[in-house]
C-alpha atoms as a PDB file:
ATOM      1  CA  UNK A   1     -23.999  18.119  19.843  1.00  0.00           C
ATOM      2  CA  UNK A   2     -21.497  16.239  21.996  1.00  0.00           C
ATOM      3  CA  UNK A   3     -20.306  12.956  20.543  1.00  0.00           C
ATOM      4  CA  UNK A   4     -18.594  11.414  23.598  1.00  0.00           C
ATOM      5  CA  UNK A   5     -16.397   9.276  21.372  1.00  0.00           C
ATOM      6  CA  UNK A   6     -14.130   6.536  22.656  1.00  0.00           C
ATOM      7  CA  UNK A   7     -10.895   6.815  20.676  1.00  0.00           C
ATOM      8  CA  UNK A   8      -7.937   4.419  20.531  1.00  0.00           C
ATOM      9  CA  UNK A   9      -4.807   4.354  18.383  1.00  0.00           C
ATOM     10  CA  UNK A  10      -3.507   1.076  16.973  1.00  0.00           C
ATOM     11  CA  UNK A  11      -0.177   0.555  18.742  1.00  0.00           C
ATOM     12  CA  UNK A  12       1.156  -1.516  15.827  1.00  0.00           C
ATOM     13  CA  UNK A  13       0.655   1.346  13.344  1.00  0.00           C
ATOM     14  CA  UNK A  14       3.161   4.042  12.481  1.00  0.00           C
ATOM     15  CA  UNK A  15       6.674   4.198  11.086  1.00  0.00           C
ATOM     16  CA  UNK A  16       8.486   0.998  10.110  1.00  0.00           C
ATOM     17  CA  UNK A  17      12.133   0.716  11.176  1.00  0.00           C
ATOM     18  CA  UNK A  18      13.394   1.797   7.737  1.00  0.00           C
ATOM     19  CA  UNK A  19      11.557   5.126   7.953  1.00  0.00           C
ATOM     20  CA  UNK A  20      12.602   5.650  11.598  1.00  0.00           C
ATOM     21  CA  UNK A  21      16.229   5.046  10.569  1.00  0.00           C
ATOM     22  CA  UNK A  22      16.091   7.620   7.737  1.00  0.00           C
ATOM     23  CA  UNK A  23      14.341  10.296   9.826  1.00  0.00           C
ATOM     24  CA  UNK A  24      16.695   9.781  12.773  1.00  0.00           C
ATOM     25  CA  UNK A  25      19.693  10.250  10.463  1.00  0.00           C
ATOM     26  CA  UNK A  26      18.203  13.443   9.019  1.00  0.00           C
ATOM     27  CA  UNK A  27      17.369  14.888  12.441  1.00  0.00           C
ATOM     28  CA  UNK A  28      20.834  14.063  13.846  1.00  0.00           C
ATOM     29  CA  UNK A  29      22.445  16.096  11.057  1.00  0.00           C
ATOM     30  CA  UNK A  30      19.916  18.954  11.246  1.00  0.00           C
ATOM     31  CA  UNK A  31      20.593  19.264  14.988  1.00  0.00           C
ATOM     32  CA  UNK A  32      24.111  20.434  14.089  1.00  0.00           C
ATOM     33  CA  UNK A  33      23.777  21.896  10.584  1.00  0.00           C
ATOM     34  CA  UNK A  34      21.467  24.483   9.027  1.00  0.00           C
ATOM     35  CA  UNK A  35      20.262  22.332   6.154  1.00  0.00           C
ATOM     36  CA  UNK A  36      20.462  18.914   4.514  1.00  0.00           C
ATOM     37  CA  UNK A  37      19.479  17.904   1.003  1.00  0.00           C
ATOM     38  CA  UNK A  38      17.234  14.864   0.580  1.00  0.00           C
ATOM     39  CA  UNK A  39      16.691  13.125  -2.749  1.00  0.00           C
ATOM     40  CA  UNK A  40      12.899  12.890  -2.963  1.00  0.00           C
ATOM     41  CA  UNK A  41      10.399  13.047  -0.107  1.00  0.00           C
ATOM     42  CA  UNK A  42      12.010  11.407   2.917  1.00  0.00           C
ATOM     43  CA  UNK A  43       8.678   9.659   3.581  1.00  0.00           C
ATOM     44  CA  UNK A  44       5.399   9.593   1.672  1.00  0.00           C
ATOM     45  CA  UNK A  45       3.609  11.746   4.202  1.00  0.00           C
ATOM     46  CA  UNK A  46       3.215  15.483   3.532  1.00  0.00           C
ATOM     47  CA  UNK A  47       2.730  16.375   7.200  1.00  0.00           C
ATOM     48  CA  UNK A  48       5.994  14.740   8.268  1.00  0.00           C
ATOM     49  CA  UNK A  49       7.861  16.179   5.274  1.00  0.00           C
ATOM     50  CA  UNK A  50       6.698  19.672   6.258  1.00  0.00           C
ATOM     51  CA  UNK A  51       7.868  19.142   9.844  1.00  0.00           C
ATOM     52  CA  UNK A  52      11.346  18.226   8.611  1.00  0.00           C
ATOM     53  CA  UNK A  53      11.588  20.910   5.910  1.00  0.00           C
ATOM     54  CA  UNK A  54      10.782  23.442   8.648  1.00  0.00           C
ATOM     55  CA  UNK A  55      13.904  22.124  10.420  1.00  0.00           C
ATOM     56  CA  UNK A  56      16.056  22.620   7.297  1.00  0.00           C
ATOM     57  CA  UNK A  57      15.551  19.535   5.132  1.00  0.00           C
ATOM     58  CA  UNK A  58      15.682  20.510   1.442  1.00  0.00           C
ATOM     59  CA  UNK A  59      13.840  18.127  -0.874  1.00  0.00           C
ATOM     60  CA  UNK A  60      15.356  17.872  -4.358  1.00  0.00           C
ATOM     61  CA  UNK A  61      14.745  15.711  -7.429  1.00  0.00           C
ATOM     62  CA  UNK A  62      17.238  13.964  -9.711  1.00  0.00           C
ATOM     63  CA  UNK A  63      17.491  16.916 -12.108  1.00  0.00           C
ATOM     64  CA  UNK A  64      18.417  19.222  -9.230  1.00  0.00           C
ATOM     65  CA  UNK A  65      20.918  16.646  -7.965  1.00  0.00           C
ATOM     66  CA  UNK A  66      22.892  17.016 -11.216  1.00  0.00           C
ATOM     67  CA  UNK A  67      23.545  20.673 -10.397  1.00  0.00           C
ATOM     68  CA  UNK A  68      24.753  20.055  -6.827  1.00  0.00           C
ATOM     69  CA  UNK A  69      28.456  19.925  -6.022  1.00  0.00           C
ATOM     70  CA  UNK A  70      30.271  19.322  -2.751  1.00  0.00           C
ATOM     71  CA  UNK A  71      27.091  18.948  -0.660  1.00  0.00           C
ATOM     72  CA  UNK A  72      25.641  16.327   1.675  1.00  0.00           C
ATOM     73  CA  UNK A  73      22.622  14.454   0.296  1.00  0.00           C
ATOM     74  CA  UNK A  74      20.416  11.985   2.162  1.00  0.00           C
ATOM     75  CA  UNK A  75      19.336   8.812   0.345  1.00  0.00           C
ATOM     76  CA  UNK A  76      15.938   7.901   1.818  1.00  0.00           C
ATOM     77  CA  UNK A  77      14.724   4.428   2.801  1.00  0.00           C
ATOM     78  CA  UNK A  78      13.446   3.609  -0.708  1.00  0.00           C
ATOM     79  CA  UNK A  79      17.010   3.250  -2.022  1.00  0.00           C
ATOM     80  CA  UNK A  80      18.545   4.455  -5.288  1.00  0.00           C
ATOM     81  CA  UNK A  81      19.810   3.122  -8.616  1.00  0.00           C
ATOM     82  CA  UNK A  82      23.578   2.745  -9.262  1.00  0.00           C
ATOM     83  CA  UNK A  83      23.528   5.837 -11.494  1.00  0.00           C
ATOM     84  CA  UNK A  84      22.843   8.035  -8.437  1.00  0.00           C
ATOM     85  CA  UNK A  85      26.006   6.824  -6.711  1.00  0.00           C
ATOM     86  CA  UNK A  86      28.019   7.363  -9.891  1.00  0.00           C
ATOM     87  CA  UNK A  87      26.733  10.943 -10.135  1.00  0.00           C
ATOM     88  CA  UNK A  88      27.636  11.545  -6.490  1.00  0.00           C
ATOM     89  CA  UNK A  89      31.239  10.583  -7.221  1.00  0.00           C
ATOM     90  CA  UNK A  90      31.369  12.863 -10.262  1.00  0.00           C
ATOM     91  CA  UNK A  91      29.898  15.828  -8.346  1.00  0.00           C
ATOM     92  CA  UNK A  92      31.891  15.321  -5.125  1.00  0.00           C
ATOM     93  CA  UNK A  93      28.695  14.726  -3.146  1.00  0.00           C
ATOM     94  CA  UNK A  94      28.663  13.098   0.292  1.00  0.00           C
ATOM     95  CA  UNK A  95      25.806  10.602   0.399  1.00  0.00           C
ATOM     96  CA  UNK A  96      24.131   9.911   3.734  1.00  0.00           C
ATOM     97  CA  UNK A  97      22.720   6.517   2.833  1.00  0.00           C
ATOM     98  CA  UNK A  98      19.553   5.696   4.777  1.00  0.00           C
ATOM     99  CA  UNK A  99      18.392   2.988   2.368  1.00  0.00           C
ATOM    100  CA  UNK A 100      16.270   0.424   4.190  1.00  0.00           C
ATOM    101  CA  UNK A 101      18.253  -2.807   4.824  1.00  0.00           C
ATOM    102  CA  UNK A 102      15.355  -4.835   3.376  1.00  0.00           C
ATOM    103  CA  UNK A 103      15.504  -2.797   0.148  1.00  0.00           C
ATOM    104  CA  UNK A 104      19.303  -3.052  -0.023  1.00  0.00           C
ATOM    105  CA  UNK A 105      19.110  -6.832   0.347  1.00  0.00           C
ATOM    106  CA  UNK A 106      16.575  -6.984  -2.492  1.00  0.00           C
ATOM    107  CA  UNK A 107      18.710  -4.741  -4.713  1.00  0.00           C
ATOM    108  CA  UNK A 108      21.683  -7.003  -4.098  1.00  0.00           C
ATOM    109  CA  UNK A 109      19.691 -10.147  -4.993  1.00  0.00           C
ATOM    110  CA  UNK A 110      18.406  -8.627  -8.212  1.00  0.00           C
ATOM    111  CA  UNK A 111      21.864  -7.436  -9.215  1.00  0.00           C
ATOM    112  CA  UNK A 112      23.968 -10.451  -8.292  1.00  0.00           C
ATOM    113  CA  UNK A 113      21.784 -13.577  -8.330  1.00  0.00           C
ATOM    114  CA  UNK A 114      21.109 -13.959 -12.060  1.00  0.00           C
ATOM    115  CA  UNK A 115      22.636 -14.822 -15.386  1.00  0.00           C
ATOM    116  CA  UNK A 116      23.010 -11.840 -17.683  1.00  0.00           C
ATOM    117  CA  UNK A 117      20.327 -13.055 -20.110  1.00  0.00           C
ATOM    118  CA  UNK A 118      17.770 -13.983 -17.405  1.00  0.00           C
ATOM    119  CA  UNK A 119      14.516 -12.014 -17.646  1.00  0.00           C
ATOM    120  CA  UNK A 120      13.394 -10.350 -14.413  1.00  0.00           C
ATOM    121  CA  UNK A 121       9.835  -9.210 -13.654  1.00  0.00           C
ATOM    122  CA  UNK A 122       9.089  -6.795 -10.801  1.00  0.00           C
ATOM    123  CA  UNK A 123       5.585  -6.497  -9.361  1.00  0.00           C
ATOM    124  CA  UNK A 124       5.564  -2.857  -8.316  1.00  0.00           C
ATOM    125  CA  UNK A 125       4.233   0.636  -8.824  1.00  0.00           C
ATOM    126  CA  UNK A 126       5.453   2.432 -11.943  1.00  0.00           C
ATOM    127  CA  UNK A 127       7.565   5.458 -11.056  1.00  0.00           C
ATOM    128  CA  UNK A 128       7.888   4.535  -7.372  1.00  0.00           C
ATOM    129  CA  UNK A 129      11.325   5.421  -5.983  1.00  0.00           C
ATOM    130  CA  UNK A 130      12.014   1.887  -4.745  1.00  0.00           C
ATOM    131  CA  UNK A 131      11.014   0.334  -8.065  1.00  0.00           C
ATOM    132  CA  UNK A 132      13.198   2.768 -10.037  1.00  0.00           C
ATOM    133  CA  UNK A 133      16.109   1.749  -7.831  1.00  0.00           C
ATOM    134  CA  UNK A 134      15.377  -1.954  -8.328  1.00  0.00           C
ATOM    135  CA  UNK A 135      15.089  -1.618 -12.095  1.00  0.00           C
ATOM    136  CA  UNK A 136      18.364   0.300 -12.078  1.00  0.00           C
ATOM    137  CA  UNK A 137      20.114  -2.821 -10.752  1.00  0.00           C
ATOM    138  CA  UNK A 138      19.238  -4.501 -14.075  1.00  0.00           C
ATOM    139  CA  UNK A 139      20.325  -1.567 -16.303  1.00  0.00           C
ATOM    140  CA  UNK A 140      16.636  -0.973 -16.979  1.00  0.00           C
ATOM    141  CA  UNK A 141      16.058  -4.447 -18.457  1.00  0.00           C
ATOM    142  CA  UNK A 142      13.577  -5.697 -15.832  1.00  0.00           C
ATOM    143  CA  UNK A 143       9.885  -5.581 -16.737  1.00  0.00           C
ATOM    144  CA  UNK A 144       7.831  -3.650 -14.159  1.00  0.00           C
ATOM    145  CA  UNK A 145       4.082  -4.195 -13.893  1.00  0.00           C
ATOM    146  CA  UNK A 146       1.345  -3.158 -11.478  1.00  0.00           C
ATOM    147  CA  UNK A 147      -1.330  -5.427 -12.890  1.00  0.00           C
ATOM    148  CA  UNK A 148      -1.245  -8.735 -14.769  1.00  0.00           C
ATOM    149  CA  UNK A 149      -3.164  -7.195 -17.686  1.00  0.00           C
ATOM    150  CA  UNK A 150      -0.037  -5.186 -18.506  1.00  0.00           C
ATOM    151  CA  UNK A 151       1.740  -8.417 -19.435  1.00  0.00           C
ATOM    152  CA  UNK A 152      -0.897  -9.511 -21.964  1.00  0.00           C
ATOM    153  CA  UNK A 153       0.891  -7.763 -24.813  1.00  0.00           C
ATOM    154  CA  UNK A 154       4.441  -8.476 -23.642  1.00  0.00           C
ATOM    155  CA  UNK A 155       6.443 -11.216 -25.359  1.00  0.00           C
ATOM    156  CA  UNK A 156       7.658 -13.066 -22.260  1.00  0.00           C
ATOM    157  CA  UNK A 157      10.211 -15.882 -22.345  1.00  0.00           C
ATOM    158  CA  UNK A 158       9.056 -19.298 -21.143  1.00  0.00           C
ATOM    159  CA  UNK A 159      11.169 -18.936 -18.001  1.00  0.00           C
ATOM    160  CA  UNK A 160      11.745 -15.873 -15.815  1.00  0.00           C
ATOM    161  CA  UNK A 161      12.251 -14.661 -12.239  1.00  0.00           C
ATOM    162  CA  UNK A 162       9.575 -12.722 -10.353  1.00  0.00           C
ATOM    163  CA  UNK A 163      10.265 -10.176  -7.611  1.00  0.00           C
ATOM    164  CA  UNK A 164       8.071  -7.730  -5.714  1.00  0.00           C
ATOM    165  CA  UNK A 165       8.373  -4.211  -4.392  1.00  0.00           C
ATOM    166  CA  UNK A 166       8.814  -4.653  -0.627  1.00  0.00           C
ATOM    167  CA  UNK A 167       5.516  -2.970   0.342  1.00  0.00           C
ATOM    168  CA  UNK A 168       3.162  -4.850  -1.983  1.00  0.00           C
ATOM    169  CA  UNK A 169       0.366  -7.181  -0.858  1.00  0.00           C
ATOM    170  CA  UNK A 170       1.577 -10.722  -0.142  1.00  0.00           C
ATOM    171  CA  UNK A 171      -1.746 -12.209  -1.268  1.00  0.00           C
ATOM    172  CA  UNK A 172      -1.597 -10.390  -4.596  1.00  0.00           C
ATOM    173  CA  UNK A 173       2.000 -11.452  -5.178  1.00  0.00           C
ATOM    174  CA  UNK A 174       1.171 -15.137  -4.733  1.00  0.00           C
ATOM    175  CA  UNK A 175      -2.007 -14.821  -6.811  1.00  0.00           C
ATOM    176  CA  UNK A 176       0.107 -13.353  -9.636  1.00  0.00           C
ATOM    177  CA  UNK A 177       2.648 -16.139  -9.297  1.00  0.00           C
ATOM    178  CA  UNK A 178      -0.081 -18.822  -9.460  1.00  0.00           C
ATOM    179  CA  UNK A 179      -1.715 -17.191 -12.479  1.00  0.00           C
ATOM    180  CA  UNK A 180       1.584 -17.029 -14.380  1.00  0.00           C
ATOM    181  CA  UNK A 181       2.254 -20.685 -13.546  1.00  0.00           C
ATOM    182  CA  UNK A 182      -1.227 -21.605 -14.788  1.00  0.00           C
ATOM    183  CA  UNK A 183      -0.406 -19.904 -18.089  1.00  0.00           C
ATOM    184  CA  UNK A 184       2.442 -22.349 -18.571  1.00  0.00           C
ATOM    185  CA  UNK A 185       5.406 -20.182 -17.630  1.00  0.00           C
ATOM    186  CA  UNK A 186       8.271 -21.479 -15.529  1.00  0.00           C
ATOM    187  CA  UNK A 187       8.338 -18.915 -12.731  1.00  0.00           C
ATOM    188  CA  UNK A 188      11.039 -18.597 -10.103  1.00  0.00           C
ATOM    189  CA  UNK A 189       9.214 -16.428  -7.530  1.00  0.00           C
ATOM    190  CA  UNK A 190      11.110 -14.554  -4.817  1.00  0.00           C
ATOM    191  CA  UNK A 191       8.865 -13.262  -2.054  1.00  0.00           C
ATOM    192  CA  UNK A 192      10.695 -10.046  -1.179  1.00  0.00           C
ATOM    193  CA  UNK A 193       7.844  -8.325   0.673  1.00  0.00           C
ATOM    194  CA  UNK A 194       8.851  -6.769   3.987  1.00  0.00           C
ATOM    195  CA  UNK A 195       7.369  -8.718   6.883  1.00  0.00           C
ATOM    196  CA  UNK A 196       7.091  -5.564   8.978  1.00  0.00           C
ATOM    197  CA  UNK A 197       4.552  -4.496   6.363  1.00  0.00           C
ATOM    198  CA  UNK A 198       2.813  -7.804   5.643  1.00  0.00           C
ATOM    199  CA  UNK A 199       2.441  -8.679   9.346  1.00  0.00           C
ATOM    200  CA  UNK A 200       0.391  -5.525   9.759  1.00  0.00           C
ATOM    201  CA  UNK A 201      -2.381  -7.019   7.642  1.00  0.00           C
ATOM    202  CA  UNK A 202      -3.195  -9.497  10.395  1.00  0.00           C
ATOM    203  CA  UNK A 203      -2.759  -6.877  13.126  1.00  0.00           C
ATOM    204  CA  UNK A 204      -5.162  -4.522  11.329  1.00  0.00           C
ATOM    205  CA  UNK A 205      -7.763  -7.247  10.774  1.00  0.00           C
ATOM    206  CA  UNK A 206      -7.857  -7.843  14.516  1.00  0.00           C
ATOM    207  CA  UNK A 207      -7.859  -4.139  15.381  1.00  0.00           C
ATOM    208  CA  UNK A 208     -10.547  -2.702  13.085  1.00  0.00           C
ATOM    209  CA  UNK A 209     -13.323  -5.176  13.962  1.00  0.00           C
ATOM    210  CA  UNK A 210     -13.465  -3.765  17.500  1.00  0.00           C
ATOM    211  CA  UNK A 211     -14.692  -0.307  16.461  1.00  0.00           C
ATOM    212  CA  UNK A 212     -17.763   1.404  15.015  1.00  0.00           C
ATOM    213  CA  UNK A 213     -15.612   3.712  12.878  1.00  0.00           C
ATOM    214  CA  UNK A 214     -12.030   3.570  11.651  1.00  0.00           C
ATOM    215  CA  UNK A 215      -9.883   6.540  10.642  1.00  0.00           C
ATOM    216  CA  UNK A 216      -6.932   5.414   8.557  1.00  0.00           C
ATOM    217  CA  UNK A 217      -4.279   8.131   8.487  1.00  0.00           C
ATOM    218  CA  UNK A 218      -1.834   8.142   5.577  1.00  0.00           C
ATOM    219  CA  UNK A 219      -0.227  10.271   2.910  1.00  0.00           C
ATOM    220  CA  UNK A 220      -1.929   9.952  -0.458  1.00  0.00           C
ATOM    221  CA  UNK A 221       1.401   9.073  -2.146  1.00  0.00           C
ATOM    222  CA  UNK A 222       1.956   6.037   0.068  1.00  0.00           C
ATOM    223  CA  UNK A 223       1.648   2.703  -1.770  1.00  0.00           C
ATOM    224  CA  UNK A 224       1.712   0.914   1.549  1.00  0.00           C
ATOM    225  CA  UNK A 225      -1.070   3.179   2.797  1.00  0.00           C
ATOM    226  CA  UNK A 226      -3.376   2.223  -0.057  1.00  0.00           C
ATOM    227  CA  UNK A 227      -2.805  -1.484   0.580  1.00  0.00           C
ATOM    228  CA  UNK A 228      -3.367  -1.236   4.347  1.00  0.00           C
ATOM    229  CA  UNK A 229      -6.452   0.945   3.941  1.00  0.00           C
ATOM    230  CA  UNK A 230      -7.974  -1.733   1.691  1.00  0.00           C
ATOM    231  CA  UNK A 231      -7.425  -4.209   4.540  1.00  0.00           C
ATOM    232  CA  UNK A 232      -9.240  -1.865   6.945  1.00  0.00           C
ATOM    233  CA  UNK A 233     -12.134  -1.367   4.544  1.00  0.00           C
ATOM    234  CA  UNK A 234     -12.461  -5.107   3.962  1.00  0.00           C
ATOM    235  CA  UNK A 235     -12.897  -5.892   7.655  1.00  0.00           C
ATOM    236  CA  UNK A 236     -14.710  -2.705   8.677  1.00  0.00           C
ATOM    237  CA  UNK A 237     -16.776  -0.964   5.955  1.00  0.00           C
ATOM    238  CA  UNK A 238     -16.964   2.168   8.125  1.00  0.00           C
ATOM    239  CA  UNK A 239     -13.317   3.024   7.492  1.00  0.00           C
ATOM    240  CA  UNK A 240     -12.261   6.455   6.232  1.00  0.00           C
ATOM    241  CA  UNK A 241      -8.961   7.510   4.641  1.00  0.00           C
ATOM    242  CA  UNK A 242      -7.591  10.867   5.823  1.00  0.00           C
ATOM    243  CA  UNK A 243      -4.245  12.628   5.525  1.00  0.00           C
ATOM    244  CA  UNK A 244      -4.719  15.300   8.205  1.00  0.00           C
ATOM    245  CA  UNK A 245      -7.240  16.594  10.731  1.00  0.00           C
ATOM    246  CA  UNK A 246      -8.767  18.993   8.188  1.00  0.00           C
ATOM    247  CA  UNK A 247     -10.204  16.015   6.320  1.00  0.00           C
ATOM    248  CA  UNK A 248     -12.226  14.731   9.284  1.00  0.00           C
ATOM    249  CA  UNK A 249     -15.988  14.974   8.713  1.00  0.00           C
ATOM    250  CA  UNK A 250     -18.001  15.023  11.939  1.00  0.00           C
ATOM    251  CA  UNK A 251     -20.978  13.614   9.999  1.00  0.00           C
ATOM    252  CA  UNK A 252     -19.182  10.273   9.939  1.00  0.00           C
ATOM    253  CA  UNK A 253     -19.806   9.812  13.663  1.00  0.00           C
ATOM    254  CA  UNK A 254     -22.695   9.130  15.990  1.00  0.00           C
ATOM    255  CA  UNK A 255     -22.784   9.763  19.746  1.00  0.00           C
ATOM    256  CA  UNK A 256     -20.855   7.190  21.810  1.00  0.00           C
ATOM    257  CA  UNK A 257     -19.100   5.678  18.765  1.00  0.00           C
ATOM    258  CA  UNK A 258     -15.958   3.669  19.391  1.00  0.00           C
ATOM    259  CA  UNK A 259     -13.336   4.983  16.947  1.00  0.00           C
ATOM    260  CA  UNK A 260     -10.075   3.280  16.025  1.00  0.00           C
ATOM    261  CA  UNK A 261      -7.154   5.186  14.495  1.00  0.00           C
ATOM    262  CA  UNK A 262      -4.490   3.415  12.474  1.00  0.00           C
ATOM    263  CA  UNK A 263      -1.998   4.259   9.747  1.00  0.00           C
ATOM    264  CA  UNK A 264       0.647   3.264   7.226  1.00  0.00           C
ATOM    265  CA  UNK A 265       4.327   2.529   7.772  1.00  0.00           C
ATOM    266  CA  UNK A 266       4.891   6.115   6.631  1.00  0.00           C
ATOM    267  CA  UNK A 267       2.453   7.676   9.134  1.00  0.00           C
ATOM    268  CA  UNK A 268       4.015   9.441  12.139  1.00  0.00           C
ATOM    269  CA  UNK A 269       2.589   8.650  15.567  1.00  0.00           C
ATOM    270  CA  UNK A 270       2.362  12.377  16.375  1.00  0.00           C
ATOM    271  CA  UNK A 271      -0.119  12.795  13.497  1.00  0.00           C
ATOM    272  CA  UNK A 272      -2.327   9.950  14.750  1.00  0.00           C
ATOM    273  CA  UNK A 273      -2.218  11.525  18.232  1.00  0.00           C
ATOM    274  CA  UNK A 274      -3.306  14.828  16.653  1.00  0.00           C
ATOM    275  CA  UNK A 275      -6.255  13.059  14.997  1.00  0.00           C
ATOM    276  CA  UNK A 276      -7.190  11.500  18.339  1.00  0.00           C
ATOM    277  CA  UNK A 277      -7.223  14.882  20.084  1.00  0.00           C
ATOM    278  CA  UNK A 278      -9.338  16.368  17.304  1.00  0.00           C
ATOM    279  CA  UNK A 279     -11.909  13.591  17.696  1.00  0.00           C
ATOM    280  CA  UNK A 280     -11.999  13.969  21.467  1.00  0.00           C
ATOM    281  CA  UNK A 281     -12.657  17.695  21.020  1.00  0.00           C
ATOM    282  CA  UNK A 282     -15.932  16.827  19.256  1.00  0.00           C
END
């Protein structure tokens, strides 16, 4: 059966500037050198990571970093805790720092804008590289939570400062702030969500309503991807989450469907183009 699909890619989707910056730095070095170490996945997208590892990028974790000496290591857009920079000095490592400017600004605020005894709360994903780096600015004293229920059994002071991981939902952040205020806490809330991310909510709302089906392309590790997919699903129930062309199910489509393709800030445009070509081949 021929489907005769009409397929369009959302022009506002794809890499944010922080990811572009990190990947450009990696590729510039790999154009002249055989390999480059990167601390953690350079982006939360397996397809893009594979493309770069094929060019010589070597992904390592913090335990492997301890055993490296005299090498170049890329710090990805998510940023790192102060302990990573201290280790680099001890091990004579050259750090290629591609930390996103938005993340660096947030790290600086958390580290330098508070009294020593001030309690800091961070709305973010446990174990996420950015959040680990943010908590490191407080010597591990900040309280990290993904959901308000986690705070039910925490003895909070009457006054504290609230921050957010840069890729979290703006609506959820303000709902959390309002709920904490309603519980009687004095909350100093700092909206530190990246506007390149939050502005995409509105762009996606406008994009997805124009199509019969939506394919949202993202790595499964991407926090930002999960948030943006929820936006797609809210405004178009016929939205499907895929990470590569192998996950496309032709049973999702009917002849002459209009299909929109969009993605996370960690989704490469080449992958969305690949999805488009696969759909057109139906």
